[in-house]
């Protein structure tokens, strides 16, 4: 090879290497997948903290593979809008109450039946058993891949005027989750149900569109609802069960190894969330009281429960039959 030929060869080899280099860089960059996550509340609440924890866990096990884009404060809409977004592909993951997903999986209302669950341990036993496994499969068929069950705490009645007995609900405009179960429940007490997304409730209550609603203590403070419904009656009528979930379209593009990491991170995140909720409820009550809210004990517990039994009978066939309700009650 002559000196000139050698120089041309080396120059062309160097040029080829430079041109080829981006081809090796691009695939590594393309492997970073963004997971857009919708959270209803802010950075200080368990609903967002859980995703920060999941992101940390996933990053430790799969460095650089995923980037979690957590959009907080309900910026992507309420639970129903977010669920629809995951089905359309604009959102990859979120949390949801079973109430909000019951439009797609009516059987999920077994976890929402009023006065059925005694406490957090009772609910945990049910979701970790056959009922929980069955609901996971039904949700997956509707494009919601469950990473874990979570417990938001008990739902309580929030009102503008004090309410301690169910008879005081008659004629009251009650904001409800857009779910047949919740509509039936409050109708049984004589209230007028009005379906409104959670992100619109503050305005609806402040302008008189509705007079009352129900929610957990944590979310009561998180949405600052004590400013417009200052009375929280401790009915604890529904144990607000929910799920950590991923969009099926996103999930189907992952390897089994990646899915396993997300499953494990979600399960660990769910345990973390449940612990945070207990701590956050105490803080939330103090915040609500400091902001002018009042916490009321309820009377006539049997009367409240009689209204709930109407819902049990109406939905028995939907949730799997009366025997299933009794089995859950005794779990």
C-alpha atoms as a PDB file:
ATOM      1  CA  UNK A   1       0.000   0.000   0.000  1.00  0.00           C
ATOM      2  CA  UNK A   2       1.495   3.359  -1.005  1.00  0.00           C
ATOM      3  CA  UNK A   3       1.684   6.205   1.541  1.00  0.00           C
ATOM      4  CA  UNK A   4      -1.093   8.062  -0.326  1.00  0.00           C
ATOM      5  CA  UNK A   5      -3.311   4.998  -0.453  1.00  0.00           C
ATOM      6  CA  UNK A   6      -2.652   4.338   3.220  1.00  0.00           C
ATOM      7  CA  UNK A   7      -3.637   7.929   4.156  1.00  0.00           C
ATOM      8  CA  UNK A   8      -6.858   7.672   2.119  1.00  0.00           C
ATOM      9  CA  UNK A   9      -7.678   4.335   3.732  1.00  0.00           C
ATOM     10  CA  UNK A  10      -7.146   5.654   7.259  1.00  0.00           C
ATOM     11  CA  UNK A  11      -9.148   8.805   6.504  1.00  0.00           C
ATOM     12  CA  UNK A  12     -12.074   6.817   5.080  1.00  0.00           C
ATOM     13  CA  UNK A  13     -11.975   4.416   8.061  1.00  0.00           C
ATOM     14  CA  UNK A  14     -12.060   7.311  10.529  1.00  0.00           C
ATOM     15  CA  UNK A  15     -14.931   8.928   8.654  1.00  0.00           C
ATOM     16  CA  UNK A  16     -16.845   5.664   8.639  1.00  0.00           C
ATOM     17  CA  UNK A  17     -16.311   5.302  12.374  1.00  0.00           C
ATOM     18  CA  UNK A  18     -17.608   8.817  13.035  1.00  0.00           C
ATOM     19  CA  UNK A  19     -20.671   8.212  10.910  1.00  0.00           C
ATOM     20  CA  UNK A  20     -21.306   4.898  12.575  1.00  0.00           C
ATOM     21  CA  UNK A  21     -20.900   6.208  16.137  1.00  0.00           C
ATOM     22  CA  UNK A  22     -24.372   7.805  16.393  1.00  0.00           C
ATOM     23  CA  UNK A  23     -25.910   4.480  15.382  1.00  0.00           C
ATOM     24  CA  UNK A  24     -24.482   2.973  18.568  1.00  0.00           C
ATOM     25  CA  UNK A  25     -25.574   5.937  20.720  1.00  0.00           C
ATOM     26  CA  UNK A  26     -29.118   6.212  19.413  1.00  0.00           C
ATOM     27  CA  UNK A  27     -30.355   2.782  20.481  1.00  0.00           C
ATOM     28  CA  UNK A  28     -29.121   3.372  24.032  1.00  0.00           C
ATOM     29  CA  UNK A  29     -30.969   6.699  24.093  1.00  0.00           C
ATOM     30  CA  UNK A  30     -34.087   5.210  22.538  1.00  0.00           C
ATOM     31  CA  UNK A  31     -34.290   2.613  25.330  1.00  0.00           C
ATOM     32  CA  UNK A  32     -35.284   5.298  27.845  1.00  0.00           C
ATOM     33  CA  UNK A  33     -39.068   5.081  27.982  1.00  0.00           C
ATOM     34  CA  UNK A  34     -41.122   7.875  29.535  1.00  0.00           C
ATOM     35  CA  UNK A  35     -43.982   6.766  31.777  1.00  0.00           C
ATOM     36  CA  UNK A  36     -46.526   9.566  32.122  1.00  0.00           C
ATOM     37  CA  UNK A  37     -48.216   9.173  35.500  1.00  0.00           C
ATOM     38  CA  UNK A  38     -51.343  11.068  36.578  1.00  0.00           C
ATOM     39  CA  UNK A  39     -51.738  12.005  40.248  1.00  0.00           C
ATOM     40  CA  UNK A  40     -54.767  13.812  41.654  1.00  0.00           C
ATOM     41  CA  UNK A  41     -52.943  15.495  44.518  1.00  0.00           C
ATOM     42  CA  UNK A  42     -49.717  17.373  45.257  1.00  0.00           C
ATOM     43  CA  UNK A  43     -46.167  16.373  46.115  1.00  0.00           C
ATOM     44  CA  UNK A  44     -46.912  16.256  49.849  1.00  0.00           C
ATOM     45  CA  UNK A  45     -49.676  13.629  49.546  1.00  0.00           C
ATOM     46  CA  UNK A  46     -49.412   9.822  49.388  1.00  0.00           C
ATOM     47  CA  UNK A  47     -50.985   9.803  45.904  1.00  0.00           C
ATOM     48  CA  UNK A  48     -47.832  11.418  44.495  1.00  0.00           C
ATOM     49  CA  UNK A  49     -45.265  10.138  46.982  1.00  0.00           C
ATOM     50  CA  UNK A  50     -46.003   6.552  45.971  1.00  0.00           C
ATOM     51  CA  UNK A  51     -44.902   7.288  42.398  1.00  0.00           C
ATOM     52  CA  UNK A  52     -41.702   8.932  43.546  1.00  0.00           C
ATOM     53  CA  UNK A  53     -40.963   5.779  45.540  1.00  0.00           C
ATOM     54  CA  UNK A  54     -41.841   3.463  42.633  1.00  0.00           C
ATOM     55  CA  UNK A  55     -39.618   5.517  40.307  1.00  0.00           C
ATOM     56  CA  UNK A  56     -36.689   5.246  42.730  1.00  0.00           C
ATOM     57  CA  UNK A  57     -37.142   1.488  43.055  1.00  0.00           C
ATOM     58  CA  UNK A  58     -37.328   0.962  39.300  1.00  0.00           C
ATOM     59  CA  UNK A  59     -34.291   3.168  38.664  1.00  0.00           C
ATOM     60  CA  UNK A  60     -32.259   1.180  41.203  1.00  0.00           C
ATOM     61  CA  UNK A  61     -33.108  -2.088  39.461  1.00  0.00           C
ATOM     62  CA  UNK A  62     -33.175  -0.923  35.836  1.00  0.00           C
ATOM     63  CA  UNK A  63     -30.891   2.145  35.667  1.00  0.00           C
ATOM     64  CA  UNK A  64     -31.777   4.530  32.845  1.00  0.00           C
ATOM     65  CA  UNK A  65     -34.530   2.346  31.415  1.00  0.00           C
ATOM     66  CA  UNK A  66     -37.569   4.433  32.444  1.00  0.00           C
ATOM     67  CA  UNK A  67     -38.265   8.073  33.193  1.00  0.00           C
ATOM     68  CA  UNK A  68     -41.338   8.710  35.342  1.00  0.00           C
ATOM     69  CA  UNK A  69     -43.107  11.933  34.351  1.00  0.00           C
ATOM     70  CA  UNK A  70     -45.417  12.410  37.352  1.00  0.00           C
ATOM     71  CA  UNK A  71     -48.095  15.021  36.604  1.00  0.00           C
ATOM     72  CA  UNK A  72     -49.597  16.055  39.945  1.00  0.00           C
ATOM     73  CA  UNK A  73     -52.520  18.136  41.248  1.00  0.00           C
ATOM     74  CA  UNK A  74     -55.109  16.624  38.906  1.00  0.00           C
ATOM     75  CA  UNK A  75     -53.619  18.409  35.891  1.00  0.00           C
ATOM     76  CA  UNK A  76     -54.565  15.460  33.640  1.00  0.00           C
ATOM     77  CA  UNK A  77     -58.139  15.299  34.950  1.00  0.00           C
ATOM     78  CA  UNK A  78     -60.125  13.277  37.463  1.00  0.00           C
ATOM     79  CA  UNK A  79     -60.004   9.526  37.885  1.00  0.00           C
ATOM     80  CA  UNK A  80     -62.414   8.734  35.073  1.00  0.00           C
ATOM     81  CA  UNK A  81     -60.675  11.050  32.598  1.00  0.00           C
ATOM     82  CA  UNK A  82     -57.294   9.585  33.515  1.00  0.00           C
ATOM     83  CA  UNK A  83     -58.599   6.028  33.148  1.00  0.00           C
ATOM     84  CA  UNK A  84     -59.886   6.901  29.690  1.00  0.00           C
ATOM     85  CA  UNK A  85     -56.496   8.448  28.927  1.00  0.00           C
ATOM     86  CA  UNK A  86     -54.714   5.211  29.778  1.00  0.00           C
ATOM     87  CA  UNK A  87     -57.007   3.322  27.424  1.00  0.00           C
ATOM     88  CA  UNK A  88     -56.206   5.832  24.663  1.00  0.00           C
ATOM     89  CA  UNK A  89     -52.470   5.767  25.333  1.00  0.00           C
ATOM     90  CA  UNK A  90     -51.913   9.343  26.551  1.00  0.00           C
ATOM     91  CA  UNK A  91     -51.280   8.213  30.151  1.00  0.00           C
ATOM     92  CA  UNK A  92     -49.259   5.122  31.081  1.00  0.00           C
ATOM     93  CA  UNK A  93     -49.990   4.771  34.799  1.00  0.00           C
ATOM     94  CA  UNK A  94     -52.005   6.083  37.727  1.00  0.00           C
ATOM     95  CA  UNK A  95     -53.922   5.200  40.865  1.00  0.00           C
ATOM     96  CA  UNK A  96     -57.681   4.762  40.917  1.00  0.00           C
ATOM     97  CA  UNK A  97     -60.393   3.937  43.394  1.00  0.00           C
ATOM     98  CA  UNK A  98     -62.378   0.842  42.534  1.00  0.00           C
ATOM     99  CA  UNK A  99     -65.422   3.132  42.359  1.00  0.00           C
ATOM    100  CA  UNK A 100     -64.003   4.946  39.348  1.00  0.00           C
ATOM    101  CA  UNK A 101     -63.184   1.700  37.522  1.00  0.00           C
ATOM    102  CA  UNK A 102     -66.515   0.008  38.198  1.00  0.00           C
ATOM    103  CA  UNK A 103     -67.941   1.430  34.980  1.00  0.00           C
ATOM    104  CA  UNK A 104     -65.630  -0.955  33.128  1.00  0.00           C
ATOM    105  CA  UNK A 105     -65.698  -3.757  35.722  1.00  0.00           C
ATOM    106  CA  UNK A 106     -69.033  -3.709  37.610  1.00  0.00           C
ATOM    107  CA  UNK A 107     -67.928  -6.682  39.728  1.00  0.00           C
ATOM    108  CA  UNK A 108     -65.362  -4.368  41.356  1.00  0.00           C
ATOM    109  CA  UNK A 109     -68.193  -2.864  43.390  1.00  0.00           C
ATOM    110  CA  UNK A 110     -67.766  -5.771  45.819  1.00  0.00           C
ATOM    111  CA  UNK A 111     -64.896  -3.711  47.268  1.00  0.00           C
ATOM    112  CA  UNK A 112     -67.097  -0.629  47.510  1.00  0.00           C
ATOM    113  CA  UNK A 113     -70.155  -2.022  49.281  1.00  0.00           C
ATOM    114  CA  UNK A 114     -71.016   0.256  52.222  1.00  0.00           C
ATOM    115  CA  UNK A 115     -70.489  -0.971  55.780  1.00  0.00           C
ATOM    116  CA  UNK A 116     -69.114  -4.307  54.519  1.00  0.00           C
ATOM    117  CA  UNK A 117     -65.479  -3.926  55.614  1.00  0.00           C
ATOM    118  CA  UNK A 118     -64.616  -3.616  59.272  1.00  0.00           C
ATOM    119  CA  UNK A 119     -61.108  -2.201  58.922  1.00  0.00           C
ATOM    120  CA  UNK A 120     -57.944  -2.131  56.825  1.00  0.00           C
ATOM    121  CA  UNK A 121     -56.965  -5.702  57.738  1.00  0.00           C
ATOM    122  CA  UNK A 122     -60.353  -7.020  56.628  1.00  0.00           C
ATOM    123  CA  UNK A 123     -60.000  -5.318  53.245  1.00  0.00           C
ATOM    124  CA  UNK A 124     -56.416  -6.569  52.868  1.00  0.00           C
ATOM    125  CA  UNK A 125     -57.471 -10.182  53.443  1.00  0.00           C
ATOM    126  CA  UNK A 126     -60.097  -9.880  50.704  1.00  0.00           C
ATOM    127  CA  UNK A 127     -57.891  -8.270  48.035  1.00  0.00           C
ATOM    128  CA  UNK A 128     -55.073 -10.743  48.706  1.00  0.00           C
ATOM    129  CA  UNK A 129     -57.438 -13.680  48.174  1.00  0.00           C
ATOM    130  CA  UNK A 130     -59.567 -15.062  45.309  1.00  0.00           C
ATOM    131  CA  UNK A 131     -61.706 -11.913  45.064  1.00  0.00           C
ATOM    132  CA  UNK A 132     -58.657  -9.735  44.432  1.00  0.00           C
ATOM    133  CA  UNK A 133     -57.218 -12.163  41.882  1.00  0.00           C
ATOM    134  CA  UNK A 134     -60.514 -12.336  40.010  1.00  0.00           C
ATOM    135  CA  UNK A 135     -60.749  -8.543  39.850  1.00  0.00           C
ATOM    136  CA  UNK A 136     -57.167  -8.256  38.562  1.00  0.00           C
ATOM    137  CA  UNK A 137     -58.075 -10.493  35.639  1.00  0.00           C
ATOM    138  CA  UNK A 138     -61.275  -8.586  34.903  1.00  0.00           C
ATOM    139  CA  UNK A 139     -59.448  -5.248  34.989  1.00  0.00           C
ATOM    140  CA  UNK A 140     -56.714  -6.594  32.700  1.00  0.00           C
ATOM    141  CA  UNK A 141     -59.412  -7.544  30.194  1.00  0.00           C
ATOM    142  CA  UNK A 142     -60.419  -3.868  30.192  1.00  0.00           C
ATOM    143  CA  UNK A 143     -56.830  -2.672  29.624  1.00  0.00           C
ATOM    144  CA  UNK A 144     -55.963  -1.885  33.265  1.00  0.00           C
ATOM    145  CA  UNK A 145     -52.949  -3.889  34.472  1.00  0.00           C
ATOM    146  CA  UNK A 146     -52.982  -3.955  38.283  1.00  0.00           C
ATOM    147  CA  UNK A 147     -49.658  -3.535  40.049  1.00  0.00           C
ATOM    148  CA  UNK A 148     -51.137  -3.651  43.556  1.00  0.00           C
ATOM    149  CA  UNK A 149     -54.160  -2.863  45.697  1.00  0.00           C
ATOM    150  CA  UNK A 150     -54.125   0.212  47.923  1.00  0.00           C
ATOM    151  CA  UNK A 151     -56.276   1.440  50.807  1.00  0.00           C
ATOM    152  CA  UNK A 152     -57.182   5.130  50.790  1.00  0.00           C
ATOM    153  CA  UNK A 153     -58.873   4.843  54.189  1.00  0.00           C
ATOM    154  CA  UNK A 154     -62.552   5.144  55.049  1.00  0.00           C
ATOM    155  CA  UNK A 155     -64.898   7.517  53.268  1.00  0.00           C
ATOM    156  CA  UNK A 156     -66.827   9.950  55.458  1.00  0.00           C
ATOM    157  CA  UNK A 157     -69.717  12.342  54.872  1.00  0.00           C
ATOM    158  CA  UNK A 158     -68.791  16.012  54.239  1.00  0.00           C
ATOM    159  CA  UNK A 159     -71.522  18.660  54.573  1.00  0.00           C
ATOM    160  CA  UNK A 160     -72.167  22.378  54.853  1.00  0.00           C
ATOM    161  CA  UNK A 161     -74.463  21.886  57.866  1.00  0.00           C
ATOM    162  CA  UNK A 162     -73.995  19.330  60.664  1.00  0.00           C
ATOM    163  CA  UNK A 163     -75.335  15.849  59.897  1.00  0.00           C
ATOM    164  CA  UNK A 164     -75.285  12.979  62.383  1.00  0.00           C
ATOM    165  CA  UNK A 165     -78.383  10.977  61.377  1.00  0.00           C
ATOM    166  CA  UNK A 166     -79.387   9.692  57.911  1.00  0.00           C
ATOM    167  CA  UNK A 167     -82.775  11.427  58.054  1.00  0.00           C
ATOM    168  CA  UNK A 168     -80.954  14.761  57.850  1.00  0.00           C
ATOM    169  CA  UNK A 169     -79.809  13.870  54.334  1.00  0.00           C
ATOM    170  CA  UNK A 170     -83.296  14.107  52.812  1.00  0.00           C
ATOM    171  CA  UNK A 171     -83.413  16.589  49.918  1.00  0.00           C
ATOM    172  CA  UNK A 172     -79.689  17.353  50.148  1.00  0.00           C
ATOM    173  CA  UNK A 173     -77.811  17.653  46.833  1.00  0.00           C
ATOM    174  CA  UNK A 174     -75.059  15.082  47.167  1.00  0.00           C
ATOM    175  CA  UNK A 175     -72.000  15.004  44.939  1.00  0.00           C
ATOM    176  CA  UNK A 176     -71.305  11.378  44.100  1.00  0.00           C
ATOM    177  CA  UNK A 177     -68.731   9.377  42.210  1.00  0.00           C
ATOM    178  CA  UNK A 178     -70.149   8.546  38.796  1.00  0.00           C
ATOM    179  CA  UNK A 179     -71.035   5.018  39.913  1.00  0.00           C
ATOM    180  CA  UNK A 180     -74.398   3.245  40.278  1.00  0.00           C
ATOM    181  CA  UNK A 181     -73.463   2.069  43.762  1.00  0.00           C
ATOM    182  CA  UNK A 182     -72.890   5.569  45.099  1.00  0.00           C
ATOM    183  CA  UNK A 183     -76.050   6.849  43.448  1.00  0.00           C
ATOM    184  CA  UNK A 184     -78.086   4.055  45.071  1.00  0.00           C
ATOM    185  CA  UNK A 185     -76.504   4.581  48.478  1.00  0.00           C
ATOM    186  CA  UNK A 186     -77.283   8.264  48.851  1.00  0.00           C
ATOM    187  CA  UNK A 187     -80.689   7.909  47.234  1.00  0.00           C
ATOM    188  CA  UNK A 188     -81.506   5.401  49.998  1.00  0.00           C
ATOM    189  CA  UNK A 189     -81.064   8.225  52.511  1.00  0.00           C
ATOM    190  CA  UNK A 190     -83.268  10.609  50.548  1.00  0.00           C
ATOM    191  CA  UNK A 191     -80.433  12.702  49.087  1.00  0.00           C
ATOM    192  CA  UNK A 192     -80.320  13.871  45.453  1.00  0.00           C
ATOM    193  CA  UNK A 193     -77.165  12.422  43.818  1.00  0.00           C
ATOM    194  CA  UNK A 194     -75.215  14.640  41.412  1.00  0.00           C
ATOM    195  CA  UNK A 195     -72.302  13.075  39.489  1.00  0.00           C
ATOM    196  CA  UNK A 196     -69.304  15.451  39.387  1.00  0.00           C
ATOM    197  CA  UNK A 197     -65.569  14.717  38.813  1.00  0.00           C
ATOM    198  CA  UNK A 198     -63.435  15.132  41.923  1.00  0.00           C
ATOM    199  CA  UNK A 199     -61.442  17.975  40.346  1.00  0.00           C
ATOM    200  CA  UNK A 200     -64.650  20.043  40.029  1.00  0.00           C
ATOM    201  CA  UNK A 201     -66.103  19.430  43.483  1.00  0.00           C
ATOM    202  CA  UNK A 202     -64.654  22.477  45.254  1.00  0.00           C
ATOM    203  CA  UNK A 203     -66.341  24.857  42.815  1.00  0.00           C
ATOM    204  CA  UNK A 204     -69.562  22.841  42.820  1.00  0.00           C
ATOM    205  CA  UNK A 205     -69.763  23.017  46.604  1.00  0.00           C
ATOM    206  CA  UNK A 206     -68.776  26.684  46.841  1.00  0.00           C
ATOM    207  CA  UNK A 207     -71.376  27.767  44.244  1.00  0.00           C
ATOM    208  CA  UNK A 208     -74.259  25.683  45.617  1.00  0.00           C
ATOM    209  CA  UNK A 209     -74.422  23.140  42.809  1.00  0.00           C
ATOM    210  CA  UNK A 210     -74.107  20.559  45.590  1.00  0.00           C
ATOM    211  CA  UNK A 211     -74.424  20.638  49.384  1.00  0.00           C
ATOM    212  CA  UNK A 212     -72.426  17.589  50.403  1.00  0.00           C
ATOM    213  CA  UNK A 213     -70.135  14.784  49.289  1.00  0.00           C
ATOM    214  CA  UNK A 214     -68.143  11.913  50.765  1.00  0.00           C
ATOM    215  CA  UNK A 215     -64.385  11.457  50.809  1.00  0.00           C
ATOM    216  CA  UNK A 216     -61.446  10.196  52.851  1.00  0.00           C
ATOM    217  CA  UNK A 217     -59.886  12.365  55.537  1.00  0.00           C
ATOM    218  CA  UNK A 218     -56.638  12.599  53.605  1.00  0.00           C
ATOM    219  CA  UNK A 219     -58.319  13.921  50.462  1.00  0.00           C
ATOM    220  CA  UNK A 220     -60.610  16.193  52.520  1.00  0.00           C
ATOM    221  CA  UNK A 221     -57.526  18.176  53.501  1.00  0.00           C
ATOM    222  CA  UNK A 222     -55.704  17.566  50.214  1.00  0.00           C
ATOM    223  CA  UNK A 223     -58.429  19.339  48.225  1.00  0.00           C
ATOM    224  CA  UNK A 224     -58.999  21.907  51.032  1.00  0.00           C
ATOM    225  CA  UNK A 225     -62.672  20.976  51.072  1.00  0.00           C
ATOM    226  CA  UNK A 226     -62.999  22.005  54.718  1.00  0.00           C
ATOM    227  CA  UNK A 227     -63.255  25.538  53.337  1.00  0.00           C
ATOM    228  CA  UNK A 228     -66.584  24.771  51.620  1.00  0.00           C
ATOM    229  CA  UNK A 229     -67.944  21.755  53.546  1.00  0.00           C
ATOM    230  CA  UNK A 230     -66.730  22.371  57.097  1.00  0.00           C
ATOM    231  CA  UNK A 231     -68.411  19.345  58.720  1.00  0.00           C
ATOM    232  CA  UNK A 232     -66.960  15.848  58.465  1.00  0.00           C
ATOM    233  CA  UNK A 233     -69.273  13.213  59.923  1.00  0.00           C
ATOM    234  CA  UNK A 234     -67.364  10.037  60.754  1.00  0.00           C
ATOM    235  CA  UNK A 235     -69.640   7.586  58.973  1.00  0.00           C
ATOM    236  CA  UNK A 236     -66.759   5.421  57.654  1.00  0.00           C
ATOM    237  CA  UNK A 237     -69.385   3.947  55.325  1.00  0.00           C
ATOM    238  CA  UNK A 238     -67.036   2.730  52.572  1.00  0.00           C
ATOM    239  CA  UNK A 239     -63.471   1.482  52.742  1.00  0.00           C
ATOM    240  CA  UNK A 240     -61.961   3.297  49.760  1.00  0.00           C
ATOM    241  CA  UNK A 241     -60.027   0.547  48.033  1.00  0.00           C
ATOM    242  CA  UNK A 242     -58.007   1.312  44.931  1.00  0.00           C
ATOM    243  CA  UNK A 243     -55.276   0.049  42.631  1.00  0.00           C
ATOM    244  CA  UNK A 244     -51.913   1.017  41.222  1.00  0.00           C
ATOM    245  CA  UNK A 245     -52.339   0.358  37.517  1.00  0.00           C
ATOM    246  CA  UNK A 246     -50.622   0.581  34.143  1.00  0.00           C
ATOM    247  CA  UNK A 247     -52.083   0.976  30.663  1.00  0.00           C
ATOM    248  CA  UNK A 248     -52.284  -2.372  28.877  1.00  0.00           C
ATOM    249  CA  UNK A 249     -50.970  -0.821  25.644  1.00  0.00           C
ATOM    250  CA  UNK A 250     -47.819   0.333  27.425  1.00  0.00           C
ATOM    251  CA  UNK A 251     -47.490  -2.938  29.353  1.00  0.00           C
ATOM    252  CA  UNK A 252     -47.649  -5.083  26.218  1.00  0.00           C
ATOM    253  CA  UNK A 253     -44.499  -3.418  24.837  1.00  0.00           C
ATOM    254  CA  UNK A 254     -42.344  -4.416  27.817  1.00  0.00           C
ATOM    255  CA  UNK A 255     -40.192  -7.484  28.292  1.00  0.00           C
ATOM    256  CA  UNK A 256     -41.151  -9.938  31.007  1.00  0.00           C
ATOM    257  CA  UNK A 257     -38.106  -8.853  33.030  1.00  0.00           C
ATOM    258  CA  UNK A 258     -39.254  -5.211  32.878  1.00  0.00           C
ATOM    259  CA  UNK A 259     -42.796  -6.177  33.847  1.00  0.00           C
ATOM    260  CA  UNK A 260     -41.515  -8.082  36.837  1.00  0.00           C
ATOM    261  CA  UNK A 261     -39.560  -5.080  38.093  1.00  0.00           C
ATOM    262  CA  UNK A 262     -42.640  -2.844  37.715  1.00  0.00           C
ATOM    263  CA  UNK A 263     -44.817  -5.434  39.486  1.00  0.00           C
ATOM    264  CA  UNK A 264     -42.428  -5.656  42.415  1.00  0.00           C
ATOM    265  CA  UNK A 265     -41.956  -1.881  42.613  1.00  0.00           C
ATOM    266  CA  UNK A 266     -45.736  -1.358  42.522  1.00  0.00           C
ATOM    267  CA  UNK A 267     -46.386  -3.940  45.241  1.00  0.00           C
ATOM    268  CA  UNK A 268     -43.745  -2.329  47.444  1.00  0.00           C
ATOM    269  CA  UNK A 269     -45.180   1.089  46.600  1.00  0.00           C
ATOM    270  CA  UNK A 270     -48.664  -0.050  47.623  1.00  0.00           C
ATOM    271  CA  UNK A 271     -47.391  -1.098  51.050  1.00  0.00           C
ATOM    272  CA  UNK A 272     -45.630   2.259  51.366  1.00  0.00           C
ATOM    273  CA  UNK A 273     -48.821   4.093  50.315  1.00  0.00           C
ATOM    274  CA  UNK A 274     -50.956   2.297  52.900  1.00  0.00           C
ATOM    275  CA  UNK A 275     -48.538   3.270  55.637  1.00  0.00           C
ATOM    276  CA  UNK A 276     -48.440   6.885  54.448  1.00  0.00           C
ATOM    277  CA  UNK A 277     -52.240   7.129  54.405  1.00  0.00           C
ATOM    278  CA  UNK A 278     -52.480   6.238  58.088  1.00  0.00           C
ATOM    279  CA  UNK A 279     -49.932   8.919  58.944  1.00  0.00           C
ATOM    280  CA  UNK A 280     -51.471  11.447  56.554  1.00  0.00           C
ATOM    281  CA  UNK A 281     -54.989  11.057  57.979  1.00  0.00           C
ATOM    282  CA  UNK A 282     -53.869  12.331  61.384  1.00  0.00           C
ATOM    283  CA  UNK A 283     -52.090  15.294  59.787  1.00  0.00           C
ATOM    284  CA  UNK A 284     -55.093  15.981  57.539  1.00  0.00           C
ATOM    285  CA  UNK A 285     -57.545  16.087  60.445  1.00  0.00           C
ATOM    286  CA  UNK A 286     -55.357  18.610  62.260  1.00  0.00           C
ATOM    287  CA  UNK A 287     -55.108  20.700  59.097  1.00  0.00           C
ATOM    288  CA  UNK A 288     -58.874  20.596  58.530  1.00  0.00           C
ATOM    289  CA  UNK A 289     -59.679  21.597  62.108  1.00  0.00           C
ATOM    290  CA  UNK A 290     -57.116  24.411  61.994  1.00  0.00           C
ATOM    291  CA  UNK A 291     -58.789  25.617  58.785  1.00  0.00           C
ATOM    292  CA  UNK A 292     -62.249  25.776  60.351  1.00  0.00           C
ATOM    293  CA  UNK A 293     -63.448  22.210  59.869  1.00  0.00           C
ATOM    294  CA  UNK A 294     -65.298  20.167  62.502  1.00  0.00           C
ATOM    295  CA  UNK A 295     -65.187  16.404  63.043  1.00  0.00           C
ATOM    296  CA  UNK A 296     -68.535  14.924  64.156  1.00  0.00           C
ATOM    297  CA  UNK A 297     -69.446  11.540  65.622  1.00  0.00           C
ATOM    298  CA  UNK A 298     -72.566  10.052  64.027  1.00  0.00           C
ATOM    299  CA  UNK A 299     -75.705   8.782  65.725  1.00  0.00           C
ATOM    300  CA  UNK A 300     -78.147   6.053  64.688  1.00  0.00           C
ATOM    301  CA  UNK A 301     -75.491   3.701  63.319  1.00  0.00           C
ATOM    302  CA  UNK A 302     -78.133   1.019  62.663  1.00  0.00           C
ATOM    303  CA  UNK A 303     -80.158   3.440  60.538  1.00  0.00           C
ATOM    304  CA  UNK A 304     -77.091   4.221  58.437  1.00  0.00           C
ATOM    305  CA  UNK A 305     -76.428   0.512  57.976  1.00  0.00           C
ATOM    306  CA  UNK A 306     -80.053  -0.225  56.965  1.00  0.00           C
ATOM    307  CA  UNK A 307     -79.653   2.139  54.038  1.00  0.00           C
ATOM    308  CA  UNK A 308     -76.525   0.256  53.035  1.00  0.00           C
ATOM    309  CA  UNK A 309     -78.341  -3.095  53.041  1.00  0.00           C
ATOM    310  CA  UNK A 310     -80.566  -1.786  50.236  1.00  0.00           C
ATOM    311  CA  UNK A 311     -77.416  -1.356  48.142  1.00  0.00           C
ATOM    312  CA  UNK A 312     -76.246  -4.875  48.978  1.00  0.00           C
ATOM    313  CA  UNK A 313     -79.534  -6.359  47.761  1.00  0.00           C
ATOM    314  CA  UNK A 314     -79.637  -4.227  44.615  1.00  0.00           C
ATOM    315  CA  UNK A 315     -76.059  -5.107  43.593  1.00  0.00           C
ATOM    316  CA  UNK A 316     -75.821  -8.706  44.777  1.00  0.00           C
ATOM    317  CA  UNK A 317     -76.208 -10.180  41.294  1.00  0.00           C
ATOM    318  CA  UNK A 318     -73.716  -7.691  39.843  1.00  0.00           C
ATOM    319  CA  UNK A 319     -70.918  -8.394  42.331  1.00  0.00           C
ATOM    320  CA  UNK A 320     -71.163 -12.173  42.297  1.00  0.00           C
ATOM    321  CA  UNK A 321     -74.196 -13.078  44.375  1.00  0.00           C
ATOM    322  CA  UNK A 322     -75.339 -12.880  47.987  1.00  0.00           C
ATOM    323  CA  UNK A 323     -73.126 -15.807  48.998  1.00  0.00           C
ATOM    324  CA  UNK A 324     -70.067 -13.907  47.824  1.00  0.00           C
ATOM    325  CA  UNK A 325     -71.047 -10.860  49.860  1.00  0.00           C
ATOM    326  CA  UNK A 326     -71.473 -13.071  52.940  1.00  0.00           C
ATOM    327  CA  UNK A 327     -68.105 -14.745  52.304  1.00  0.00           C
ATOM    328  CA  UNK A 328     -66.415 -11.341  52.094  1.00  0.00           C
ATOM    329  CA  UNK A 329     -68.171 -10.158  55.236  1.00  0.00           C
ATOM    330  CA  UNK A 330     -66.823 -13.161  57.153  1.00  0.00           C
ATOM    331  CA  UNK A 331     -63.286 -13.039  55.696  1.00  0.00           C
END
